[in-house]
Amino acid sequence: MDYRVVQMDEHTWRIEEFDDTSSVYMYLLEGSERAMLLDSGLGMIPLDEITAELTSLPVDVLATHAHLDHIGGNSFFEKVYINELDREVFSLHCDKFRSHYPDYQFRGQRDNIIWYTGEKEFQLGGRTLRLVSSPGHTLGAVSILDVERKWLFTGDTCCQASVLLNLEYTTTVETYKKTIKELLSIRERYDLTWPAHHKIPVSTEILEQFREAADLLLDKKAEGEDIEMPFGPAKCFYYKDISITYTPDRVFDRNDA
């Protein structure tokens, strides 16, 4: 696997890990006292060496969620912060879920996970990272508000592509819509969003499209097309620049809705 590093400003870098079939972005955010790496990718590149070339400060990892393409490089670092609500999906993606990717040799995990609950804020030294609960793609997914820069790092919650709500430990479309509404309600606190995949950066218009698409599904004014995924059959509702991939039993919070 290969990688590239793009400097976003004097104290921020985007690290892309990629090959012919996969690509994931990680973001290294540096304060005056410490640095935080948002996600650790698939773990196929020497993240410890890469980050050491970019900053002399200690680096911790903060996962946007616990899928295998966001936790693969955890063992390079001493501290990794993950939402407690993603503990079960973490176990799944450290074990049998890897069988979907036979060409990859994944690294093992270490006893370096700090499981947290509730609201959390990190002070890097003149740089504040505030977590925003964002259930949808996983139960414990979070977005990270880079307060002083007015950037929002969203993981897989709202890429300009399809949000996958068809996997184990994802939420309903109804819960996902609540997440999008919450992110839109604080839009005055950020100017751009930086996802973990696909086009970057992403404007708030994309969040509006996800809200509109979710509304159409919840109001039963639209229905996704039947598709076959590596993880089983699903439905995909294509809408403007985005889509929502889901299963029929995960539309409403209550199955009798």
C-alpha atoms as a PDB file:
ATOM      1  CA  MET A   1       0.000   0.000   0.000  1.00  0.00           C
ATOM      2  CA  ASP A   2       1.161   3.542  -0.683  1.00  0.00           C
ATOM      3  CA  TYR A   3       0.571   6.882   1.008  1.00  0.00           C
ATOM      4  CA  ARG A   4       0.741  10.600   0.433  1.00  0.00           C
ATOM      5  CA  VAL A   5       0.877  13.517   2.858  1.00  0.00           C
ATOM      6  CA  VAL A   6      -0.782  16.869   2.174  1.00  0.00           C
ATOM      7  CA  GLN A   7      -0.146  19.842   4.457  1.00  0.00           C
ATOM      8  CA  MET A   8      -3.419  21.658   5.155  1.00  0.00           C
ATOM      9  CA  ASP A   9      -1.903  24.470   7.223  1.00  0.00           C
ATOM     10  CA  GLU A  10       1.173  25.004   9.374  1.00  0.00           C
ATOM     11  CA  HIS A  11      -0.010  22.522  12.018  1.00  0.00           C
ATOM     12  CA  THR A  12      -2.361  20.181  10.133  1.00  0.00           C
ATOM     13  CA  TRP A  13      -1.691  17.341   7.709  1.00  0.00           C
ATOM     14  CA  ARG A  14      -3.822  14.888   5.772  1.00  0.00           C
ATOM     15  CA  ILE A  15      -2.332  11.411   5.369  1.00  0.00           C
ATOM     16  CA  GLU A  16      -3.911   9.281   2.651  1.00  0.00           C
ATOM     17  CA  GLU A  17      -3.357   5.521   2.682  1.00  0.00           C
ATOM     18  CA  PHE A  18      -4.323   3.948  -0.634  1.00  0.00           C
ATOM     19  CA  ASP A  19      -3.979   1.254  -3.242  1.00  0.00           C
ATOM     20  CA  ASP A  20      -5.925   0.389  -6.388  1.00  0.00           C
ATOM     21  CA  THR A  21      -9.052  -0.589  -4.445  1.00  0.00           C
ATOM     22  CA  SER A  22      -9.046   1.350  -1.161  1.00  0.00           C
ATOM     23  CA  SER A  23      -8.350   4.844   0.121  1.00  0.00           C
ATOM     24  CA  VAL A  24      -8.727   6.394   3.548  1.00  0.00           C
ATOM     25  CA  TYR A  25      -7.776   9.811   4.936  1.00  0.00           C
ATOM     26  CA  MET A  26      -6.263  10.381   8.351  1.00  0.00           C
ATOM     27  CA  TYR A  27      -5.707  13.843   9.787  1.00  0.00           C
ATOM     28  CA  LEU A  28      -2.815  14.853  12.043  1.00  0.00           C
ATOM     29  CA  LEU A  29      -3.706  17.886  14.166  1.00  0.00           C
ATOM     30  CA  GLU A  30      -0.905  19.588  16.090  1.00  0.00           C
ATOM     31  CA  GLY A  31      -1.236  21.922  19.050  1.00  0.00           C
ATOM     32  CA  SER A  32       1.564  23.523  21.052  1.00  0.00           C
ATOM     33  CA  GLU A  33       1.735  20.631  23.556  1.00  0.00           C
ATOM     34  CA  ARG A  34       0.576  17.473  21.807  1.00  0.00           C
ATOM     35  CA  ALA A  35      -0.825  16.153  18.545  1.00  0.00           C
ATOM     36  CA  MET A  36      -3.824  14.009  17.692  1.00  0.00           C
ATOM     37  CA  LEU A  37      -4.178  11.644  14.749  1.00  0.00           C
ATOM     38  CA  LEU A  38      -7.777  11.230  13.669  1.00  0.00           C
ATOM     39  CA  ASP A  39      -8.074   7.523  12.781  1.00  0.00           C
ATOM     40  CA  SER A  40      -5.205   5.147  12.038  1.00  0.00           C
ATOM     41  CA  GLY A  41      -6.272   3.746   8.676  1.00  0.00           C
ATOM     42  CA  LEU A  42      -5.742   0.161   7.560  1.00  0.00           C
ATOM     43  CA  GLY A  43      -2.333  -0.082   9.218  1.00  0.00           C
ATOM     44  CA  MET A  44      -0.426  -0.914   6.044  1.00  0.00           C
ATOM     45  CA  ILE A  45       1.904   2.105   6.177  1.00  0.00           C
ATOM     46  CA  PRO A  46       4.479   3.122   8.855  1.00  0.00           C
ATOM     47  CA  LEU A  47       2.326   5.680  10.640  1.00  0.00           C
ATOM     48  CA  ASP A  48       4.720   6.061  13.560  1.00  0.00           C
ATOM     49  CA  GLU A  49       7.541   7.090  11.231  1.00  0.00           C
ATOM     50  CA  ILE A  50       5.288   9.291   9.110  1.00  0.00           C
ATOM     51  CA  THR A  51       3.888  11.242  12.055  1.00  0.00           C
ATOM     52  CA  ALA A  52       7.351  11.554  13.650  1.00  0.00           C
ATOM     53  CA  GLU A  53       8.572  13.300  10.510  1.00  0.00           C
ATOM     54  CA  LEU A  54       5.700  15.791  10.742  1.00  0.00           C
ATOM     55  CA  THR A  55       5.735  16.624  14.465  1.00  0.00           C
ATOM     56  CA  SER A  56       8.115  16.240  17.399  1.00  0.00           C
ATOM     57  CA  LEU A  57       5.194  16.228  19.849  1.00  0.00           C
ATOM     58  CA  PRO A  58       3.632  13.091  21.372  1.00  0.00           C
ATOM     59  CA  VAL A  59       0.864  11.714  19.149  1.00  0.00           C
ATOM     60  CA  ASP A  60      -2.326  10.017  20.338  1.00  0.00           C
ATOM     61  CA  VAL A  61      -5.085   8.564  18.152  1.00  0.00           C
ATOM     62  CA  LEU A  62      -8.752   9.484  18.210  1.00  0.00           C
ATOM     63  CA  ALA A  63     -11.010   7.173  16.200  1.00  0.00           C
ATOM     64  CA  THR A  64     -14.066   8.576  14.447  1.00  0.00           C
ATOM     65  CA  HIS A  65     -15.424   5.013  14.641  1.00  0.00           C
ATOM     66  CA  ALA A  66     -14.106   1.478  15.049  1.00  0.00           C
ATOM     67  CA  HIS A  67     -14.200   0.007  11.531  1.00  0.00           C
ATOM     68  CA  LEU A  68     -11.087  -1.814  10.382  1.00  0.00           C
ATOM     69  CA  ASP A  69     -10.011   0.906   7.925  1.00  0.00           C
ATOM     70  CA  HIS A  70      -9.919   3.411  10.793  1.00  0.00           C
ATOM     71  CA  ILE A  71      -8.236   1.341  13.537  1.00  0.00           C
ATOM     72  CA  GLY A  72      -5.659  -0.687  11.603  1.00  0.00           C
ATOM     73  CA  GLY A  73      -2.642   1.349  12.703  1.00  0.00           C
ATOM     74  CA  ASN A  74      -3.580   1.629  16.388  1.00  0.00           C
ATOM     75  CA  SER A  75      -0.623  -0.461  17.541  1.00  0.00           C
ATOM     76  CA  PHE A  76       1.844   2.189  16.359  1.00  0.00           C
ATOM     77  CA  PHE A  77       0.749   4.504  19.190  1.00  0.00           C
ATOM     78  CA  GLU A  78       0.570   4.535  22.991  1.00  0.00           C
ATOM     79  CA  LYS A  79      -2.979   5.878  23.425  1.00  0.00           C
ATOM     80  CA  VAL A  80      -6.029   5.339  21.245  1.00  0.00           C
ATOM     81  CA  TYR A  81      -9.390   6.880  22.170  1.00  0.00           C
ATOM     82  CA  ILE A  82     -12.555   5.069  21.025  1.00  0.00           C
ATOM     83  CA  ASN A  83     -16.186   5.572  22.026  1.00  0.00           C
ATOM     84  CA  GLU A  84     -17.398   2.816  24.358  1.00  0.00           C
ATOM     85  CA  LEU A  85     -20.461   2.360  22.123  1.00  0.00           C
ATOM     86  CA  ASP A  86     -18.169   0.977  19.421  1.00  0.00           C
ATOM     87  CA  ARG A  87     -16.619  -1.731  21.606  1.00  0.00           C
ATOM     88  CA  GLU A  88     -18.547  -4.579  19.929  1.00  0.00           C
ATOM     89  CA  VAL A  89     -17.942  -3.394  16.373  1.00  0.00           C
ATOM     90  CA  PHE A  90     -14.262  -2.976  17.294  1.00  0.00           C
ATOM     91  CA  SER A  91     -14.118  -6.646  18.293  1.00  0.00           C
ATOM     92  CA  LEU A  92     -15.862  -7.659  15.073  1.00  0.00           C
ATOM     93  CA  HIS A  93     -13.493  -5.654  12.887  1.00  0.00           C
ATOM     94  CA  CYS A  94     -10.442  -7.013  14.697  1.00  0.00           C
ATOM     95  CA  ASP A  95     -11.586 -10.554  13.964  1.00  0.00           C
ATOM     96  CA  LYS A  96     -13.995 -12.149  11.491  1.00  0.00           C
ATOM     97  CA  PHE A  97     -14.774  -9.011   9.464  1.00  0.00           C
ATOM     98  CA  ARG A  98     -11.181  -9.072   8.208  1.00  0.00           C
ATOM     99  CA  SER A  99     -12.007 -12.166   6.152  1.00  0.00           C
ATOM    100  CA  HIS A 100     -13.687  -9.867   3.635  1.00  0.00           C
ATOM    101  CA  TYR A 101     -10.201  -8.528   2.787  1.00  0.00           C
ATOM    102  CA  PRO A 102      -8.018 -11.608   2.178  1.00  0.00           C
ATOM    103  CA  ASP A 103      -5.326  -9.643   0.328  1.00  0.00           C
ATOM    104  CA  TYR A 104      -4.496  -7.495   3.366  1.00  0.00           C
ATOM    105  CA  GLN A 105      -2.208  -8.475   6.225  1.00  0.00           C
ATOM    106  CA  PHE A 106      -3.644  -6.573   9.173  1.00  0.00           C
ATOM    107  CA  ARG A 107      -1.631  -5.648  12.245  1.00  0.00           C
ATOM    108  CA  GLY A 108      -2.630  -6.930  15.655  1.00  0.00           C
ATOM    109  CA  GLN A 109      -4.069  -4.663  18.325  1.00  0.00           C
ATOM    110  CA  ARG A 110      -2.395  -3.670  21.621  1.00  0.00           C
ATOM    111  CA  ASP A 111      -3.731  -2.990  25.073  1.00  0.00           C
ATOM    112  CA  ASN A 112      -3.705   0.738  24.382  1.00  0.00           C
ATOM    113  CA  ILE A 113      -7.388   1.547  23.938  1.00  0.00           C
ATOM    114  CA  ILE A 114      -8.967   4.177  26.159  1.00  0.00           C
ATOM    115  CA  TRP A 115     -12.715   3.629  26.036  1.00  0.00           C
ATOM    116  CA  TYR A 116     -14.631   6.801  26.843  1.00  0.00           C
ATOM    117  CA  THR A 117     -18.284   7.648  27.344  1.00  0.00           C
ATOM    118  CA  GLY A 118     -20.296  10.819  27.020  1.00  0.00           C
ATOM    119  CA  GLU A 119     -19.069  14.206  25.904  1.00  0.00           C
ATOM    120  CA  LYS A 120     -15.340  14.693  25.568  1.00  0.00           C
ATOM    121  CA  GLU A 121     -12.951  17.497  24.706  1.00  0.00           C
ATOM    122  CA  PHE A 122      -9.222  17.409  24.034  1.00  0.00           C
ATOM    123  CA  GLN A 123      -6.848  20.321  24.626  1.00  0.00           C
ATOM    124  CA  LEU A 124      -3.773  20.073  22.403  1.00  0.00           C
ATOM    125  CA  GLY A 125      -2.349  23.445  23.467  1.00  0.00           C
ATOM    126  CA  GLY A 126      -4.046  26.371  21.761  1.00  0.00           C
ATOM    127  CA  ARG A 127      -6.170  23.919  19.818  1.00  0.00           C
ATOM    128  CA  THR A 128      -9.446  22.468  21.079  1.00  0.00           C
ATOM    129  CA  LEU A 129     -11.050  19.303  19.743  1.00  0.00           C
ATOM    130  CA  ARG A 130     -14.673  18.834  20.756  1.00  0.00           C
ATOM    131  CA  LEU A 131     -16.456  15.566  20.041  1.00  0.00           C
ATOM    132  CA  VAL A 132     -19.972  15.515  18.607  1.00  0.00           C
ATOM    133  CA  SER A 133     -21.850  12.220  18.949  1.00  0.00           C
ATOM    134  CA  SER A 134     -22.772  11.080  15.418  1.00  0.00           C
ATOM    135  CA  PRO A 135     -24.463   7.651  15.500  1.00  0.00           C
ATOM    136  CA  GLY A 136     -25.322   6.219  12.121  1.00  0.00           C
ATOM    137  CA  HIS A 137     -22.512   4.419  10.322  1.00  0.00           C
ATOM    138  CA  THR A 138     -21.722   2.920  13.748  1.00  0.00           C
ATOM    139  CA  LEU A 139     -23.388   3.291  17.126  1.00  0.00           C
ATOM    140  CA  GLY A 140     -20.398   5.142  18.580  1.00  0.00           C
ATOM    141  CA  ALA A 141     -19.372   7.249  15.607  1.00  0.00           C
ATOM    142  CA  VAL A 142     -18.228  10.773  16.447  1.00  0.00           C
ATOM    143  CA  SER A 143     -17.435  13.929  14.539  1.00  0.00           C
ATOM    144  CA  ILE A 144     -14.584  16.114  15.752  1.00  0.00           C
ATOM    145  CA  LEU A 145     -14.973  19.882  15.866  1.00  0.00           C
ATOM    146  CA  ASP A 146     -11.634  21.671  15.468  1.00  0.00           C
ATOM    147  CA  VAL A 147     -12.905  24.687  17.357  1.00  0.00           C
ATOM    148  CA  GLU A 148     -10.384  27.415  16.521  1.00  0.00           C
ATOM    149  CA  ARG A 149     -10.141  26.503  12.827  1.00  0.00           C
ATOM    150  CA  LYS A 150     -13.885  25.951  12.385  1.00  0.00           C
ATOM    151  CA  TRP A 151     -13.348  22.584  10.746  1.00  0.00           C
ATOM    152  CA  LEU A 152     -15.479  19.494  11.318  1.00  0.00           C
ATOM    153  CA  PHE A 153     -13.919  16.057  10.777  1.00  0.00           C
ATOM    154  CA  THR A 154     -16.735  13.595  10.091  1.00  0.00           C
ATOM    155  CA  GLY A 155     -15.200  10.172   9.456  1.00  0.00           C
ATOM    156  CA  ASP A 156     -17.706   8.174   7.390  1.00  0.00           C
ATOM    157  CA  THR A 157     -20.791  10.019   8.622  1.00  0.00           C
ATOM    158  CA  CYS A 158     -21.312  12.323   5.645  1.00  0.00           C
ATOM    159  CA  CYS A 159     -18.893  11.725   2.792  1.00  0.00           C
ATOM    160  CA  GLN A 160     -19.960  12.971  -0.613  1.00  0.00           C
ATOM    161  CA  ALA A 161     -20.892   9.398  -1.499  1.00  0.00           C
ATOM    162  CA  SER A 162     -23.074   6.743   0.152  1.00  0.00           C
ATOM    163  CA  VAL A 163     -23.454   6.421   3.906  1.00  0.00           C
ATOM    164  CA  LEU A 164     -23.544   2.728   4.785  1.00  0.00           C
ATOM    165  CA  LEU A 165     -26.295   1.886   7.264  1.00  0.00           C
ATOM    166  CA  ASN A 166     -26.455  -1.769   6.187  1.00  0.00           C
ATOM    167  CA  LEU A 167     -23.589  -3.170   8.264  1.00  0.00           C
ATOM    168  CA  GLU A 168     -23.619  -4.814  11.674  1.00  0.00           C
ATOM    169  CA  TYR A 169     -23.850  -2.231  14.470  1.00  0.00           C
ATOM    170  CA  THR A 170     -25.152   0.560  12.271  1.00  0.00           C
ATOM    171  CA  THR A 171     -28.256   2.540  13.209  1.00  0.00           C
ATOM    172  CA  THR A 172     -31.573   3.142  11.521  1.00  0.00           C
ATOM    173  CA  VAL A 173     -32.149   5.837   8.934  1.00  0.00           C
ATOM    174  CA  GLU A 174     -34.257   7.612  11.562  1.00  0.00           C
ATOM    175  CA  THR A 175     -31.374   7.792  14.049  1.00  0.00           C
ATOM    176  CA  TYR A 176     -28.978   8.828  11.299  1.00  0.00           C
ATOM    177  CA  LYS A 177     -31.282  11.708  10.367  1.00  0.00           C
ATOM    178  CA  LYS A 178     -31.134  12.934  13.980  1.00  0.00           C
ATOM    179  CA  THR A 179     -27.336  12.985  13.701  1.00  0.00           C
ATOM    180  CA  ILE A 180     -27.435  15.032  10.516  1.00  0.00           C
ATOM    181  CA  LYS A 181     -29.904  17.472  12.070  1.00  0.00           C
ATOM    182  CA  GLU A 182     -27.578  17.885  15.060  1.00  0.00           C
ATOM    183  CA  LEU A 183     -24.591  18.579  12.813  1.00  0.00           C
ATOM    184  CA  LEU A 184     -26.617  21.104  10.829  1.00  0.00           C
ATOM    185  CA  SER A 185     -27.789  22.783  14.037  1.00  0.00           C
ATOM    186  CA  ILE A 186     -24.176  23.713  14.874  1.00  0.00           C
ATOM    187  CA  ARG A 187     -23.151  24.713  11.353  1.00  0.00           C
ATOM    188  CA  GLU A 188     -22.197  28.215  12.506  1.00  0.00           C
ATOM    189  CA  ARG A 189     -19.289  26.558  14.357  1.00  0.00           C
ATOM    190  CA  TYR A 190     -17.628  25.163  11.228  1.00  0.00           C
ATOM    191  CA  ASP A 191     -17.026  26.282   7.659  1.00  0.00           C
ATOM    192  CA  LEU A 192     -16.006  22.991   6.063  1.00  0.00           C
ATOM    193  CA  THR A 193     -16.245  19.294   6.788  1.00  0.00           C
ATOM    194  CA  TRP A 194     -13.398  16.864   6.197  1.00  0.00           C
ATOM    195  CA  PRO A 195     -14.523  13.238   5.707  1.00  0.00           C
ATOM    196  CA  ALA A 196     -12.397  10.088   5.705  1.00  0.00           C
ATOM    197  CA  HIS A 197     -13.089   9.117   2.090  1.00  0.00           C
ATOM    198  CA  HIS A 198     -13.951  10.493  -1.344  1.00  0.00           C
ATOM    199  CA  LYS A 199     -14.133  14.188  -2.256  1.00  0.00           C
ATOM    200  CA  ILE A 200     -12.643  16.741   0.140  1.00  0.00           C
ATOM    201  CA  PRO A 201     -13.534  19.107   1.625  1.00  0.00           C
ATOM    202  CA  VAL A 202     -17.323  18.845   1.797  1.00  0.00           C
ATOM    203  CA  SER A 203     -19.744  21.745   2.158  1.00  0.00           C
ATOM    204  CA  THR A 204     -22.793  21.795   4.411  1.00  0.00           C
ATOM    205  CA  GLU A 205     -24.917  21.377   1.274  1.00  0.00           C
ATOM    206  CA  ILE A 206     -24.036  17.683   1.373  1.00  0.00           C
ATOM    207  CA  LEU A 207     -25.403  17.422   4.919  1.00  0.00           C
ATOM    208  CA  GLU A 208     -28.602  19.059   3.692  1.00  0.00           C
ATOM    209  CA  GLN A 209     -28.839  16.431   0.961  1.00  0.00           C
ATOM    210  CA  PHE A 210     -28.516  13.623   3.512  1.00  0.00           C
ATOM    211  CA  ARG A 211     -31.267  15.214   5.602  1.00  0.00           C
ATOM    212  CA  GLU A 212     -33.556  15.546   2.585  1.00  0.00           C
ATOM    213  CA  ALA A 213     -32.889  11.965   1.480  1.00  0.00           C
ATOM    214  CA  ALA A 214     -33.576  10.619   4.968  1.00  0.00           C
ATOM    215  CA  ASP A 215     -36.818  12.598   5.115  1.00  0.00           C
ATOM    216  CA  LEU A 216     -37.991  11.068   1.843  1.00  0.00           C
ATOM    217  CA  LEU A 217     -37.298   7.547   3.100  1.00  0.00           C
ATOM    218  CA  LEU A 218     -38.932   8.175   6.472  1.00  0.00           C
ATOM    219  CA  ASP A 219     -41.996   9.782   4.877  1.00  0.00           C
ATOM    220  CA  LYS A 220     -42.233   6.768   2.523  1.00  0.00           C
ATOM    221  CA  LYS A 221     -41.994   9.056  -0.483  1.00  0.00           C
ATOM    222  CA  ALA A 222     -38.979   7.170  -1.789  1.00  0.00           C
ATOM    223  CA  GLU A 223     -37.421   3.735  -1.581  1.00  0.00           C
ATOM    224  CA  GLY A 224     -33.959   2.495  -2.397  1.00  0.00           C
ATOM    225  CA  GLU A 225     -33.045   0.196  -5.259  1.00  0.00           C
ATOM    226  CA  ASP A 226     -32.186  -3.403  -4.470  1.00  0.00           C
ATOM    227  CA  ILE A 227     -28.419  -3.931  -4.566  1.00  0.00           C
ATOM    228  CA  GLU A 228     -26.033  -6.733  -3.665  1.00  0.00           C
ATOM    229  CA  MET A 229     -23.188  -5.822  -1.312  1.00  0.00           C
ATOM    230  CA  PRO A 230     -20.219  -7.933  -0.141  1.00  0.00           C
ATOM    231  CA  PHE A 231     -21.993  -8.055   3.226  1.00  0.00           C
ATOM    232  CA  GLY A 232     -25.395  -9.117   1.837  1.00  0.00           C
ATOM    233  CA  PRO A 233     -28.407  -7.625   0.049  1.00  0.00           C
ATOM    234  CA  ALA A 234     -29.361  -4.023   0.767  1.00  0.00           C
ATOM    235  CA  LYS A 235     -31.213  -1.061  -0.655  1.00  0.00           C
ATOM    236  CA  CYS A 236     -29.608   2.122  -1.922  1.00  0.00           C
ATOM    237  CA  PHE A 237     -31.475   5.406  -2.340  1.00  0.00           C
ATOM    238  CA  TYR A 238     -29.580   7.666  -4.744  1.00  0.00           C
ATOM    239  CA  TYR A 239     -30.259  11.360  -4.210  1.00  0.00           C
ATOM    240  CA  LYS A 240     -28.421  14.259  -5.871  1.00  0.00           C
ATOM    241  CA  ASP A 241     -24.719  13.936  -4.930  1.00  0.00           C
ATOM    242  CA  ILE A 242     -25.161  11.313  -2.201  1.00  0.00           C
ATOM    243  CA  SER A 243     -26.935   8.068  -1.377  1.00  0.00           C
ATOM    244  CA  ILE A 244     -28.088   6.100   1.654  1.00  0.00           C
ATOM    245  CA  THR A 245     -27.461   2.356   1.763  1.00  0.00           C
ATOM    246  CA  TYR A 246     -29.668   0.534   4.261  1.00  0.00           C
ATOM    247  CA  THR A 247     -31.701  -2.582   4.921  1.00  0.00           C
ATOM    248  CA  PRO A 248     -35.526  -2.546   5.164  1.00  0.00           C
ATOM    249  CA  ASP A 249     -35.461  -3.398   8.878  1.00  0.00           C
ATOM    250  CA  ARG A 250     -33.301  -0.349   9.647  1.00  0.00           C
ATOM    251  CA  VAL A 251     -35.426   2.532   8.462  1.00  0.00           C
ATOM    252  CA  PHE A 252     -37.401   3.400  11.574  1.00  0.00           C
ATOM    253  CA  ASP A 253     -36.310   3.236  15.217  1.00  0.00           C
ATOM    254  CA  ARG A 254     -39.348   1.015  15.812  1.00  0.00           C
ATOM    255  CA  ASN A 255     -40.014  -1.813  13.363  1.00  0.00           C
ATOM    256  CA  ASP A 256     -43.777  -1.295  13.584  1.00  0.00           C
ATOM    257  CA  ALA A 257     -43.502   2.321  12.317  1.00  0.00           C
END
